[in-house]
Amino acid sequence: MAKSKLVQANKKIAGAVVGGYKKVEEGVVGGYKKIENGVVGAYRKVEDGFVDQFLTREGETVEDAKKRLHEEQDRRESEAKEAAGKRFAGTPAGVHPGSDIGKTSLERSRETARASVEASKNAGKH
């Protein structure tokens, strides 16, 4: 009987803790969503105003201007990728032309490490 009372009390406490946690969680998440929606809404209003004022063409809606701008951006990005691919197409196995700098830096690091090891070996021989 004592055991069952403890088990029942433990379940009751656990239920209260879980319920309290869920209420806090819902309040925090709900508050965050309200703030997020307000900020995003304000940003969209500013963005739409900017596009309307400076980026729309004659007779074009804000939505049409945004679509056109996104398409232009995608086209520029794909052209840039193609141009980069052509620049490095002549290098062997796609090795970047600046890789000699990396090799030189690695060799200098190895020389410095060797010198440091030699200095520490010789330090105890005084």
Protein backbone atom coordinates (compact mmCIF):
# COMPACT_ATOMS: atom_id res chain seq x y z
CA MET A 1 0.00 0.00 0.00
CA ALA A 2 2.80 2.42 0.87
CA LYS A 3 4.47 1.64 -2.41
CA SER A 4 1.34 2.34 -4.43
CA LYS A 5 0.83 5.68 -2.63
CA LEU A 6 4.40 6.67 -3.51
CA VAL A 7 3.94 5.59 -7.10
CA GLN A 8 0.69 7.53 -7.35
CA ALA A 9 2.25 10.63 -5.79
CA ASN A 10 5.22 10.37 -8.14
CA LYS A 11 2.91 10.14 -11.17
CA LYS A 12 0.93 13.12 -9.93
CA ILE A 13 4.09 15.20 -9.51
CA ALA A 14 5.41 14.12 -12.90
CA GLY A 15 2.13 15.08 -14.55
CA ALA A 16 2.20 18.51 -12.91
CA VAL A 17 5.82 19.10 -13.95
CA VAL A 18 5.17 18.04 -17.54
CA GLY A 19 2.03 20.16 -17.70
CA GLY A 20 3.87 23.19 -16.34
CA TYR A 21 6.73 22.67 -18.78
CA LYS A 22 4.32 22.46 -21.72
CA LYS A 23 2.60 25.70 -20.67
CA VAL A 24 5.95 27.50 -20.46
CA GLU A 25 7.07 26.02 -23.77
CA GLU A 26 3.86 27.06 -25.53
CA GLY A 27 4.17 30.57 -24.09
CA VAL A 28 7.79 30.98 -25.17
CA VAL A 29 7.27 29.50 -28.63
CA GLY A 30 4.08 31.51 -29.12
CA GLY A 31 5.84 34.72 -28.10
CA TYR A 32 8.75 33.98 -30.41
CA LYS A 33 6.41 33.32 -33.34
CA LYS A 34 4.58 36.61 -32.74
CA ILE A 35 7.86 38.53 -32.71
CA GLU A 36 9.15 36.66 -35.75
CA ASN A 37 5.96 37.32 -37.72
CA GLY A 38 6.09 41.01 -36.80
CA VAL A 39 9.72 41.37 -37.85
CA VAL A 40 9.28 39.41 -41.07
CA GLY A 41 6.13 41.36 -41.91
CA ALA A 42 7.88 44.68 -41.33
CA TYR A 43 10.84 43.56 -43.46
CA ARG A 44 8.54 42.54 -46.30
CA LYS A 45 6.81 45.92 -46.21
CA VAL A 46 10.17 47.71 -46.44
CA GLU A 47 11.36 45.35 -49.18
CA ASP A 48 8.17 45.81 -51.20
CA GLY A 49 8.39 49.58 -50.79
CA PHE A 50 12.01 49.62 -51.98
CA VAL A 51 11.26 47.39 -54.98
CA ASP A 52 8.22 49.51 -55.84
CA GLN A 53 10.13 52.78 -55.54
CA PHE A 54 13.43 51.88 -57.21
CA LEU A 55 13.30 48.57 -59.10
CA THR A 56 9.96 48.29 -60.88
CA ARG A 57 9.70 49.12 -64.54
CA GLU A 58 6.84 50.99 -66.18
CA GLY A 59 3.56 49.11 -65.60
CA GLU A 60 5.26 46.29 -63.63
CA THR A 61 3.92 45.07 -60.28
CA VAL A 62 6.13 44.52 -57.26
CA GLU A 63 5.68 40.73 -57.57
CA ASP A 64 6.65 40.82 -61.26
CA ALA A 65 9.71 42.93 -60.46
CA LYS A 66 10.80 40.51 -57.72
CA LYS A 67 10.38 37.56 -60.07
CA ARG A 68 12.38 39.34 -62.79
CA LEU A 69 15.15 40.23 -60.31
CA HIS A 70 15.39 36.64 -59.07
CA GLU A 71 15.62 35.35 -62.64
CA GLU A 72 18.33 37.89 -63.47
CA GLN A 73 20.27 36.90 -60.34
CA ASP A 74 20.03 33.19 -61.19
CA ARG A 75 21.25 33.91 -64.73
CA ARG A 76 24.23 35.95 -63.43
CA GLU A 77 25.17 33.20 -60.97
CA SER A 78 25.06 30.47 -63.62
CA GLU A 79 27.16 32.62 -65.99
CA ALA A 80 29.70 33.20 -63.21
CA LYS A 81 29.93 29.44 -62.52
CA GLU A 82 30.46 28.73 -66.22
CA ALA A 83 33.16 31.40 -66.45
CA ALA A 84 34.93 30.01 -63.37
CA GLY A 85 34.80 26.52 -64.85
CA LYS A 86 36.39 27.77 -68.06
CA ARG A 87 39.18 29.57 -66.15
CA PHE A 88 40.23 26.42 -64.29
CA ALA A 89 39.58 23.95 -67.12
CA GLY A 90 43.20 24.21 -68.30
CA THR A 91 44.72 23.29 -64.95
CA PRO A 92 45.76 19.64 -64.43
CA ALA A 93 43.25 17.60 -62.43
CA GLY A 94 41.44 20.74 -61.34
CA VAL A 95 44.42 21.91 -59.26
CA HIS A 96 44.15 25.58 -58.44
CA PRO A 97 47.00 27.65 -59.94
CA GLY A 98 47.75 29.09 -56.51
CA SER A 99 48.56 25.66 -55.11
CA ASP A 100 52.31 26.35 -55.39
CA ILE A 101 51.86 28.89 -52.62
CA GLY A 102 50.34 26.19 -50.43
CA LYS A 103 53.24 23.83 -51.18
CA THR A 104 55.79 26.50 -50.32
CA SER A 105 53.98 27.32 -47.09
CA LEU A 106 53.87 23.63 -46.13
CA GLU A 107 57.60 23.24 -46.81
CA ARG A 108 58.40 26.29 -44.66
CA SER A 109 56.23 24.91 -41.86
CA ARG A 110 58.10 21.61 -41.98
CA GLU A 111 61.47 23.41 -41.89
CA THR A 112 60.35 25.45 -38.89
CA ALA A 113 59.15 22.30 -37.12
CA ARG A 114 62.45 20.52 -37.78
CA ALA A 115 64.41 23.51 -36.49
CA SER A 116 62.24 23.60 -33.38
CA VAL A 117 62.80 19.89 -32.72
CA GLU A 118 66.57 20.29 -33.18
CA ALA A 119 66.62 23.30 -30.86
CA SER A 120 64.76 21.41 -28.15
CA LYS A 121 67.15 18.44 -28.48
CA ASN A 122 70.18 20.70 -28.22
CA ALA A 123 68.73 22.71 -25.33
CA GLY A 124 69.57 20.01 -22.82
CA LYS A 125 73.20 19.65 -23.99
CA HIS A 126 74.55 22.97 -22.61
